[in-house]
């Protein structure tokens, strides 16, 4: 079942078709009324077809309009202010609730979106690679750094840098045995696209962590790990916070699955690196 339906509609509104967006905005403005309408009645009020109502419901995770109304009705007790952009007048409790909704929704949707087969395939690519190059731009660089340190600790050779010239040099000078991991919420950044094109030309496999399965990056990737979309942009970047949480979740899934495949060997490497770090700082 979809969690926090009205919040999900807000986040996904920008990704819907024009007709579905009309439904989304009507529902957000008239949720008390919508739960008492039939599919045909809502379609007439919005000025769309019955089929559009059904597509809208499925786009935001409901099975159909009856299921949509049941979920919406159950959530009517949630204050509308909790679903809005964080404001200077909000209390600390309101901010807590807003962030919880965003994070819970991001994790729940990501768990549904990310395919087990994609995690397994990504893990195999990491196992086969001699060297891993990781790149994330903007807020996604935080995730790239986290992923890099995880795999360095278990013996993988990893280059993580925001110097795109250095990345292209590393890829082109010795492409054999390389793996590229690209992290981008939109999957449409220029720097990301340039690196992906180079990888495709050199037959270097790409693992992408992206929110848009139809993005330019996803289309160029060998394996795409898809997380929830957080399209809503506000002045405090709380949507970016939710997307970072979703990316962290994907990274941890990939890492822990890779650990589990050869558990004893990887745990031994973790012990070695931990002991040497501890020993070095004590001396």
Protein backbone atom coordinates (compact mmCIF):
# COMPACT_ATOMS: atom_id res chain seq x y z
CA UNK A 1 0.00 0.00 0.00
CA UNK A 2 1.18 3.53 -0.84
CA UNK A 3 2.36 5.53 2.15
CA UNK A 4 1.53 9.26 2.49
CA UNK A 5 -0.46 9.46 -0.73
CA UNK A 6 -0.83 13.24 -0.94
CA UNK A 7 2.87 13.68 -0.35
CA UNK A 8 3.62 11.15 -3.10
CA UNK A 9 1.39 13.10 -5.48
CA UNK A 10 3.31 16.30 -4.70
CA UNK A 11 6.66 14.66 -5.36
CA UNK A 12 5.60 12.95 -8.58
CA UNK A 13 3.46 15.71 -10.06
CA UNK A 14 6.26 17.06 -12.27
CA UNK A 15 6.86 13.60 -13.78
CA UNK A 16 3.22 12.96 -14.76
CA UNK A 17 1.60 13.61 -18.13
CA UNK A 18 -0.23 16.94 -18.56
CA UNK A 19 -3.62 15.27 -18.16
CA UNK A 20 -2.50 13.39 -15.05
CA UNK A 21 -1.10 16.61 -13.59
CA UNK A 22 -4.58 18.15 -13.86
CA UNK A 23 -5.91 15.24 -11.80
CA UNK A 24 -3.06 15.57 -9.28
CA UNK A 25 -3.66 19.27 -8.65
CA UNK A 26 -7.42 18.78 -8.37
CA UNK A 27 -6.96 15.97 -5.84
CA UNK A 28 -4.54 18.02 -3.74
CA UNK A 29 -6.94 20.97 -3.67
CA UNK A 30 -10.13 18.94 -3.14
CA UNK A 31 -9.17 15.73 -1.33
CA UNK A 32 -12.23 15.85 0.97
CA UNK A 33 -14.53 15.90 -2.07
CA UNK A 34 -12.62 13.35 -4.17
CA UNK A 35 -13.14 10.47 -1.75
CA UNK A 36 -16.91 10.70 -2.42
CA UNK A 37 -16.69 10.81 -6.23
CA UNK A 38 -16.84 8.04 -8.82
CA UNK A 39 -14.22 7.72 -11.55
CA UNK A 40 -16.62 9.29 -14.07
CA UNK A 41 -17.53 12.17 -11.75
CA UNK A 42 -13.88 13.03 -11.08
CA UNK A 43 -13.05 12.79 -14.78
CA UNK A 44 -15.86 15.23 -15.61
CA UNK A 45 -14.79 17.73 -12.94
CA UNK A 46 -11.17 17.68 -14.08
CA UNK A 47 -11.96 17.54 -17.79
CA UNK A 48 -10.11 14.32 -18.59
CA UNK A 49 -11.05 10.78 -19.59
CA UNK A 50 -11.87 7.92 -17.21
CA UNK A 51 -8.72 6.18 -18.46
CA UNK A 52 -6.63 9.16 -17.35
CA UNK A 53 -7.97 8.81 -13.81
CA UNK A 54 -6.96 5.14 -13.79
CA UNK A 55 -3.51 5.89 -15.21
CA UNK A 56 -3.01 8.63 -12.62
CA UNK A 57 -3.86 6.25 -9.77
CA UNK A 58 -1.38 3.66 -11.03
CA UNK A 59 1.30 6.32 -11.63
CA UNK A 60 1.31 7.23 -7.95
CA UNK A 61 1.21 3.61 -6.76
CA UNK A 62 -2.48 2.79 -6.21
CA UNK A 63 -4.10 -0.26 -7.82
CA UNK A 64 -7.00 1.81 -9.16
CA UNK A 65 -9.42 4.56 -8.19
CA UNK A 66 -11.27 2.57 -5.47
CA UNK A 67 -7.94 1.70 -3.84
CA UNK A 68 -6.82 5.32 -4.27
CA UNK A 69 -9.93 6.61 -2.42
CA UNK A 70 -9.47 4.15 0.45
CA UNK A 71 -5.87 5.28 1.01
CA UNK A 72 -6.77 8.96 0.61
CA UNK A 73 -9.64 8.65 3.06
CA UNK A 74 -7.38 7.02 5.65
CA UNK A 75 -4.94 9.90 5.38
CA UNK A 76 -7.45 12.72 5.74
CA UNK A 77 -6.43 13.15 9.38
CA UNK A 78 -2.92 14.23 8.32
CA UNK A 79 -2.71 18.05 8.48
CA UNK A 80 -2.18 19.57 5.03
CA UNK A 81 0.60 21.77 6.41
CA UNK A 82 2.70 18.67 7.04
CA UNK A 83 2.79 18.01 3.29
CA UNK A 84 3.89 21.50 2.30
CA UNK A 85 7.30 23.12 2.00
CA UNK A 86 9.02 23.77 5.32
CA UNK A 87 8.34 27.35 6.42
CA UNK A 88 10.05 29.68 8.94
CA UNK A 89 6.93 29.57 11.10
CA UNK A 90 6.90 25.77 11.42
CA UNK A 91 7.48 24.31 14.84
CA UNK A 92 10.22 21.76 15.44
CA UNK A 93 7.57 19.04 15.68
CA UNK A 94 6.15 20.03 12.29
CA UNK A 95 9.62 19.93 10.73
CA UNK A 96 10.17 16.48 12.25
CA UNK A 97 6.92 15.22 10.75
CA UNK A 98 7.66 16.69 7.32
CA UNK A 99 11.11 15.15 7.16
CA UNK A 100 9.81 11.82 8.43
CA UNK A 101 7.19 11.78 5.67
CA UNK A 102 9.74 12.58 2.99
CA UNK A 103 12.29 10.03 4.21
CA UNK A 104 9.75 7.26 4.86
CA UNK A 105 8.19 7.79 1.44
CA UNK A 106 11.61 7.81 -0.27
CA UNK A 107 12.69 4.56 1.37
CA UNK A 108 9.37 2.81 0.80
CA UNK A 109 9.25 3.74 -2.88
CA UNK A 110 12.92 2.88 -3.42
CA UNK A 111 12.44 -0.55 -1.90
CA UNK A 112 9.72 -1.16 -4.49
CA UNK A 113 11.61 0.33 -7.44
CA UNK A 114 15.03 -1.27 -7.07
CA UNK A 115 15.09 -4.70 -8.69
CA UNK A 116 16.83 -7.62 -6.97
CA UNK A 117 18.20 -8.71 -10.35
CA UNK A 118 19.83 -5.30 -10.79
CA UNK A 119 21.53 -5.51 -7.39
CA UNK A 120 22.82 -9.01 -8.20
CA UNK A 121 24.05 -7.92 -11.63
CA UNK A 122 25.75 -4.86 -10.15
CA UNK A 123 27.46 -7.00 -7.53
CA UNK A 124 28.81 -9.31 -10.26
CA UNK A 125 30.21 -6.35 -12.21
CA UNK A 126 32.01 -5.15 -9.07
CA UNK A 127 33.44 -8.63 -8.49
CA UNK A 128 34.73 -8.80 -12.08
CA UNK A 129 36.29 -5.33 -12.07
CA UNK A 130 39.97 -4.71 -11.38
CA UNK A 131 39.43 -0.97 -10.88
CA UNK A 132 36.34 1.02 -10.02
CA UNK A 133 35.81 4.68 -10.91
CA UNK A 134 32.99 6.47 -9.06
CA UNK A 135 31.52 9.87 -9.91
CA UNK A 136 28.66 11.84 -8.46
CA UNK A 137 27.95 15.49 -9.02
CA UNK A 138 26.58 17.98 -6.49
CA UNK A 139 24.88 16.35 -3.52
CA UNK A 140 25.43 12.92 -5.11
CA UNK A 141 29.18 13.32 -4.55
CA UNK A 142 28.51 12.63 -0.86
CA UNK A 143 27.13 9.23 -1.89
CA UNK A 144 30.08 8.62 -4.23
CA UNK A 145 32.52 9.22 -1.37
CA UNK A 146 30.60 6.88 0.90
CA UNK A 147 30.54 4.12 -1.71
CA UNK A 148 34.24 4.57 -2.47
CA UNK A 149 35.35 4.20 1.14
CA UNK A 150 33.19 1.12 1.60
CA UNK A 151 34.85 -0.75 -1.27
CA UNK A 152 38.37 0.52 -0.50
CA UNK A 153 38.07 -1.08 2.94
CA UNK A 154 37.47 -4.52 1.39
CA UNK A 155 40.37 -4.37 -1.06
CA UNK A 156 38.97 -2.79 -4.21
CA UNK A 157 41.01 -0.22 -6.13
CA UNK A 158 38.77 2.85 -6.34
CA UNK A 159 39.16 6.27 -7.90
CA UNK A 160 36.64 8.84 -6.77
CA UNK A 161 37.12 12.42 -7.83
CA UNK A 162 35.15 15.34 -9.24
CA UNK A 163 37.88 16.03 -11.79
CA UNK A 164 36.16 14.86 -14.99
CA UNK A 165 39.36 15.24 -17.04
CA UNK A 166 41.17 12.90 -14.66
CA UNK A 167 38.30 10.39 -14.82
CA UNK A 168 38.33 10.35 -18.64
CA UNK A 169 42.12 9.97 -18.62
CA UNK A 170 41.89 7.03 -16.20
CA UNK A 171 39.18 5.36 -18.28
CA UNK A 172 40.84 5.80 -21.66
CA UNK A 173 44.44 5.00 -20.65
CA UNK A 174 43.54 1.52 -19.39
CA UNK A 175 39.91 0.60 -20.09
CA UNK A 176 40.30 -3.16 -19.60
CA UNK A 177 38.99 -4.31 -16.23
CA UNK A 178 37.44 -0.93 -15.43
CA UNK A 179 33.96 -0.37 -13.98
CA UNK A 180 32.25 3.02 -13.87
CA UNK A 181 29.69 3.86 -11.20
CA UNK A 182 27.74 7.06 -11.91
CA UNK A 183 25.38 8.64 -9.38
CA UNK A 184 22.87 11.26 -10.48
CA UNK A 185 19.36 12.00 -9.27
CA UNK A 186 18.13 13.25 -12.66
CA UNK A 187 20.49 11.26 -14.87
CA UNK A 188 20.66 14.24 -17.24
CA UNK A 189 23.73 16.23 -16.10
CA UNK A 190 26.19 17.19 -18.85
CA UNK A 191 29.27 15.92 -17.00
CA UNK A 192 27.59 12.59 -16.31
CA UNK A 193 26.53 12.24 -19.94
CA UNK A 194 30.06 12.90 -21.23
CA UNK A 195 31.58 10.27 -18.94
CA UNK A 196 28.86 7.75 -19.86
CA UNK A 197 29.50 8.28 -23.57
CA UNK A 198 33.23 7.67 -23.10
CA UNK A 199 32.47 4.45 -21.22
CA UNK A 200 30.17 3.27 -24.00
CA UNK A 201 32.85 3.99 -26.63
CA UNK A 202 35.44 2.05 -24.61
CA UNK A 203 33.04 -0.82 -23.71
CA UNK A 204 33.43 -0.06 -20.01
CA UNK A 205 30.37 -1.28 -18.05
CA UNK A 206 28.37 1.32 -16.11
CA UNK A 207 26.37 0.95 -12.91
CA UNK A 208 24.10 3.95 -12.48
CA UNK A 209 22.23 5.07 -9.38
CA UNK A 210 19.42 7.27 -10.68
CA UNK A 211 15.81 8.25 -9.99
CA UNK A 212 14.66 8.31 -13.62
CA UNK A 213 14.68 4.92 -15.33
CA UNK A 214 14.14 6.63 -18.69
CA UNK A 215 16.98 9.13 -18.32
CA UNK A 216 19.92 9.49 -20.68
CA UNK A 217 22.22 7.96 -18.05
CA UNK A 218 19.98 4.96 -17.44
CA UNK A 219 19.82 4.25 -21.18
CA UNK A 220 23.63 4.24 -21.40
CA UNK A 221 24.08 2.02 -18.33
CA UNK A 222 24.80 -1.69 -18.13
CA UNK A 223 22.88 -1.85 -14.84
CA UNK A 224 20.54 0.83 -13.47
CA UNK A 225 19.65 0.96 -9.78
CA UNK A 226 16.53 3.12 -9.59
CA UNK A 227 15.47 5.00 -6.47
CA UNK A 228 12.50 7.23 -5.64
CA UNK A 229 11.98 10.53 -7.40
CA UNK A 230 12.08 13.70 -5.31
CA UNK A 231 11.15 16.30 -7.89
CA UNK A 232 9.76 18.88 -5.50
CA UNK A 233 12.32 21.64 -4.97
CA UNK A 234 12.05 23.98 -2.01
CA UNK A 235 14.30 26.64 -0.53
CA UNK A 236 15.51 24.35 2.26
CA UNK A 237 16.32 21.43 -0.09
CA UNK A 238 14.33 18.88 1.95
CA UNK A 239 13.55 17.02 -1.28
CA UNK A 240 17.30 16.68 -1.85
CA UNK A 241 17.55 15.23 1.65
CA UNK A 242 15.05 12.51 0.71
CA UNK A 243 16.88 11.67 -2.52
CA UNK A 244 20.19 11.38 -0.64
CA UNK A 245 18.58 8.98 1.84
CA UNK A 246 17.29 6.90 -1.09
CA UNK A 247 20.74 6.87 -2.71
CA UNK A 248 22.33 5.80 0.58
CA UNK A 249 19.84 2.94 0.76
CA UNK A 250 20.79 1.78 -2.77
CA UNK A 251 24.51 2.01 -1.98
CA UNK A 252 24.11 -0.04 1.19
CA UNK A 253 22.04 -2.69 -0.61
CA UNK A 254 24.75 -3.04 -3.25
CA UNK A 255 27.57 -3.11 -0.71
CA UNK A 256 26.00 -5.60 1.69
CA UNK A 257 24.96 -7.94 -1.10
CA UNK A 258 28.52 -7.85 -2.42
CA UNK A 259 29.82 -8.62 1.10
CA UNK A 260 27.44 -11.55 1.49
CA UNK A 261 28.53 -13.25 -1.75
CA UNK A 262 32.02 -13.96 -0.35
CA UNK A 263 31.38 -13.16 3.27
CA UNK A 264 34.39 -14.75 4.99
CA UNK A 265 36.96 -13.21 2.64
CA UNK A 266 35.42 -9.76 2.80
CA UNK A 267 35.05 -9.78 6.57
CA UNK A 268 38.70 -10.77 6.88
CA UNK A 269 39.70 -7.76 4.76
CA UNK A 270 37.52 -5.49 6.89
CA UNK A 271 39.28 -6.79 10.01
CA UNK A 272 42.72 -6.20 8.46
CA UNK A 273 41.99 -2.63 7.39
CA UNK A 274 40.34 -1.83 10.72
CA UNK A 275 43.28 -3.21 12.72
CA UNK A 276 45.89 -1.35 10.68
CA UNK A 277 44.01 1.94 11.00
CA UNK A 278 43.70 1.47 14.74
CA UNK A 279 47.36 0.44 15.09
CA UNK A 280 48.60 3.38 13.03
CA UNK A 281 46.79 5.97 15.12
CA UNK A 282 48.01 4.46 18.39
CA UNK A 283 51.69 4.68 17.40
